[in-house]
Amino acid sequence: MVVLFLLCFRVPAFSLKVAQTAASNHLCEIKGKCVAFTGFLFYDSIHADEAENTAPGRKKNWRKTAWEVHPVTSYEVLDDDECP
């Protein structure tokens, strides 16, 4: 079974600096805006010891969760009233 996952959030500036994507020329258009990302839900076990949900309180945690949307198959910039 294949399940697509939809995630909506306001894109912070720091995530744009570390994003590596073929659509990198579009990153400026989403900075600070609410964006709906669609893609596959992926548990990144390599980063599980660097995530707050799997290694709570660890000083070197740089992410909230080891789950990610990968690959992102599409995205849509939402109006502010559509942002959860």
Protein backbone atom coordinates (compact mmCIF):
# COMPACT_ATOMS: atom_id res chain seq x y z
CA MET A 1 0.00 0.00 0.00
CA VAL A 2 1.25 3.50 -0.86
CA VAL A 3 0.06 6.42 1.22
CA LEU A 4 0.62 10.06 0.36
CA PHE A 5 0.98 12.45 3.28
CA LEU A 6 -0.05 16.12 3.36
CA LEU A 7 1.67 18.50 5.76
CA CYS A 8 0.90 22.22 6.15
CA PHE A 9 3.11 24.66 8.03
CA ARG A 10 4.70 28.09 7.84
CA VAL A 11 8.18 27.69 6.34
CA PRO A 12 10.90 29.19 8.59
CA ALA A 13 13.95 30.83 7.04
CA PHE A 14 16.43 28.37 8.62
CA SER A 15 14.84 25.37 6.89
CA LEU A 16 15.40 27.02 3.53
CA LYS A 17 19.15 27.16 4.17
CA VAL A 18 19.41 23.41 4.72
CA ALA A 19 16.86 22.34 2.11
CA GLN A 20 18.36 20.40 -0.76
CA THR A 21 15.90 20.07 -3.60
CA ALA A 22 15.71 20.25 -7.35
CA ALA A 23 13.23 23.10 -6.90
CA SER A 24 15.68 25.24 -4.91
CA ASN A 25 15.01 28.22 -7.19
CA HIS A 26 11.44 28.26 -5.78
CA LEU A 27 12.49 28.39 -2.11
CA CYS A 28 12.34 32.18 -1.88
CA GLU A 29 8.68 32.19 -2.89
CA ILE A 30 7.72 30.04 0.13
CA LYS A 31 9.84 31.69 2.84
CA GLY A 32 7.58 32.76 5.70
CA LYS A 33 4.43 31.53 3.97
CA CYS A 34 2.08 28.70 4.83
CA VAL A 35 2.75 25.80 2.49
CA ALA A 36 1.03 22.44 1.98
CA PHE A 37 3.55 19.72 1.12
CA THR A 38 2.47 16.38 -0.34
CA GLY A 39 4.71 13.33 -0.44
CA PHE A 40 5.57 10.04 1.19
CA LEU A 41 5.90 9.71 4.97
CA PHE A 42 9.41 8.43 5.74
CA TYR A 43 10.97 7.49 9.08
CA ASP A 44 14.62 8.54 8.90
CA SER A 45 16.24 6.13 11.36
CA ILE A 46 19.68 7.59 10.65
CA HIS A 47 18.58 10.79 12.44
CA ALA A 48 16.53 9.14 15.19
CA ASP A 49 19.19 9.94 17.81
CA GLU A 50 19.11 13.62 16.76
CA ALA A 51 15.36 14.15 17.11
CA GLU A 52 13.42 15.37 20.12
CA ASN A 53 10.66 12.76 19.82
CA THR A 54 13.06 9.79 19.82
CA ALA A 55 15.91 11.19 21.97
CA PRO A 56 14.20 13.74 24.27
CA GLY A 57 16.37 16.42 25.86
CA ARG A 58 19.56 15.53 24.00
CA LYS A 59 21.72 18.66 23.58
CA LYS A 60 22.61 17.93 19.95
CA ASN A 61 19.02 17.48 18.77
CA TRP A 62 18.48 19.59 15.69
CA ARG A 63 15.05 18.31 14.67
CA LYS A 64 11.69 17.74 16.36
CA THR A 65 11.03 14.34 14.83
CA ALA A 66 12.70 11.61 12.80
CA TRP A 67 9.68 11.56 10.49
CA GLU A 68 9.84 13.51 7.26
CA VAL A 69 7.99 13.90 4.00
CA HIS A 70 10.36 12.36 1.47
CA PRO A 71 10.26 12.73 -1.39
CA VAL A 72 8.06 15.80 -1.62
CA THR A 73 5.93 15.21 -4.69
CA SER A 74 4.24 18.62 -4.77
CA TYR A 75 3.68 21.78 -2.78
CA GLU A 76 1.17 24.60 -2.77
CA VAL A 77 1.49 28.05 -1.18
CA LEU A 78 -1.66 28.65 0.88
CA ASP A 79 -3.48 31.84 1.74
CA ASP A 80 -3.06 32.90 5.38
CA ASP A 81 -6.69 32.01 6.15
CA GLU A 82 -6.03 28.41 4.98
CA CYS A 83 -3.08 27.93 7.36
CA PRO A 84 -3.83 25.63 10.30
